[in-house]
């Protein structure tokens, strides 16, 4: 459960989040509450998990998981890149007055 919460915090661009902030999110943010099964772990619990896994191992787990989801489950070829340069103007000509 703690690993799910930590990986979700990495996914939501919270890589530099402190353990106390993570503890606070597990008490207030509904996404983190759901992932933690409505338990409220302390910052010490997260520290123990991080000490066991070390910081580098979490990055490896995150990239391995995202690779598994993209390649194995969604059948996306990792060697092909697509660059989308679409530009869509919102409310085009909204204030143009034609006589």
Protein backbone atom coordinates (compact mmCIF):
# COMPACT_ATOMS: atom_id res chain seq x y z
CA UNK A 1 0.00 0.00 0.00
CA UNK A 2 2.80 2.42 0.85
CA UNK A 3 4.55 1.65 -2.41
CA UNK A 4 1.37 2.53 -4.35
CA UNK A 5 1.15 5.87 -2.58
CA UNK A 6 4.83 6.65 -3.19
CA UNK A 7 4.62 5.71 -6.87
CA UNK A 8 1.48 7.79 -7.28
CA UNK A 9 3.27 10.77 -5.78
CA UNK A 10 6.03 10.26 -8.35
CA UNK A 11 3.43 10.05 -11.10
CA UNK A 12 1.78 13.31 -10.11
CA UNK A 13 5.08 15.19 -10.45
CA UNK A 14 5.71 15.25 -6.74
CA UNK A 15 9.20 13.76 -6.92
CA UNK A 16 10.63 16.15 -4.35
CA UNK A 17 7.82 15.79 -1.87
CA UNK A 18 8.73 15.55 1.78
CA UNK A 19 7.61 12.66 3.94
CA UNK A 20 5.51 14.94 6.11
CA UNK A 21 3.75 16.32 3.03
CA UNK A 22 3.09 12.76 1.90
CA UNK A 23 1.63 11.99 5.32
CA UNK A 24 -0.56 15.09 5.08
CA UNK A 25 -1.76 14.14 1.59
CA UNK A 26 -2.79 10.71 2.89
CA UNK A 27 -5.02 12.50 5.40
CA UNK A 28 -6.55 15.14 3.11
CA UNK A 29 -6.31 14.26 -0.61
CA UNK A 30 -9.04 11.86 -1.75
CA UNK A 31 -6.75 10.22 -4.33
CA UNK A 32 -4.15 9.39 -1.72
CA UNK A 33 -6.85 8.33 0.75
CA UNK A 34 -8.19 5.82 -1.77
CA UNK A 35 -4.74 4.43 -2.54
CA UNK A 36 -3.93 4.04 1.14
CA UNK A 37 -7.22 2.21 1.82
CA UNK A 38 -8.28 5.11 4.06
CA UNK A 39 -5.42 4.37 6.42
CA UNK A 40 -3.28 7.26 7.56
CA UNK A 41 0.36 6.17 7.61
CA UNK A 42 2.92 8.27 9.40
CA UNK A 43 5.99 9.79 7.85
CA UNK A 44 8.08 7.17 9.64
CA UNK A 45 6.29 4.38 7.76
CA UNK A 46 7.17 6.02 4.45
CA UNK A 47 10.76 6.49 5.64
CA UNK A 48 11.09 2.79 6.47
CA UNK A 49 9.85 1.82 3.00
CA UNK A 50 12.19 4.31 1.31
CA UNK A 51 15.12 3.08 3.38
CA UNK A 52 14.42 -0.48 2.30
CA UNK A 53 14.03 0.40 -1.36
CA UNK A 54 16.51 3.29 -1.56
CA UNK A 55 15.87 6.26 -3.84
CA UNK A 56 17.34 4.74 -7.01
CA UNK A 57 15.23 1.61 -6.71
CA UNK A 58 11.99 3.64 -6.72
CA UNK A 59 12.96 5.27 -10.01
CA UNK A 60 13.65 1.83 -11.49
CA UNK A 61 10.32 0.48 -10.24
CA UNK A 62 8.47 3.49 -11.65
CA UNK A 63 10.05 3.17 -15.11
CA UNK A 64 9.60 -0.59 -15.14
CA UNK A 65 5.93 -0.22 -14.28
CA UNK A 66 5.32 2.47 -16.91
CA UNK A 67 7.13 0.32 -19.50
CA UNK A 68 4.96 -2.68 -18.58
CA UNK A 69 1.79 -0.63 -18.93
CA UNK A 70 2.77 1.00 -22.22
CA UNK A 71 4.44 -1.90 -24.00
CA UNK A 72 2.84 -5.03 -22.62
CA UNK A 73 -0.70 -3.91 -21.84
CA UNK A 74 -1.25 -1.20 -24.45
CA UNK A 75 0.99 -2.72 -27.18
CA UNK A 76 2.84 0.54 -27.83
CA UNK A 77 6.12 0.22 -29.76
CA UNK A 78 8.79 1.96 -27.62
CA UNK A 79 11.01 2.59 -30.66
CA UNK A 80 8.49 4.83 -32.44
CA UNK A 81 8.02 8.45 -31.44
CA UNK A 82 5.25 10.73 -32.58
CA UNK A 83 5.46 14.47 -32.29
CA UNK A 84 2.14 16.24 -32.39
CA UNK A 85 2.34 19.85 -33.46
CA UNK A 86 -1.37 20.52 -33.66
CA UNK A 87 -2.37 24.05 -32.79
CA UNK A 88 -6.05 24.74 -32.32
CA UNK A 89 -7.18 28.28 -31.72
CA UNK A 90 -9.93 28.50 -29.16
CA UNK A 91 -12.87 30.75 -30.05
CA UNK A 92 -11.42 31.65 -33.42
CA UNK A 93 -12.68 34.97 -34.76
CA UNK A 94 -14.87 35.43 -31.73
CA UNK A 95 -14.61 39.20 -31.70
CA UNK A 96 -14.34 39.83 -35.43
CA UNK A 97 -17.11 41.99 -36.78
CA UNK A 98 -17.78 41.73 -40.46
CA UNK A 99 -19.74 44.38 -42.29
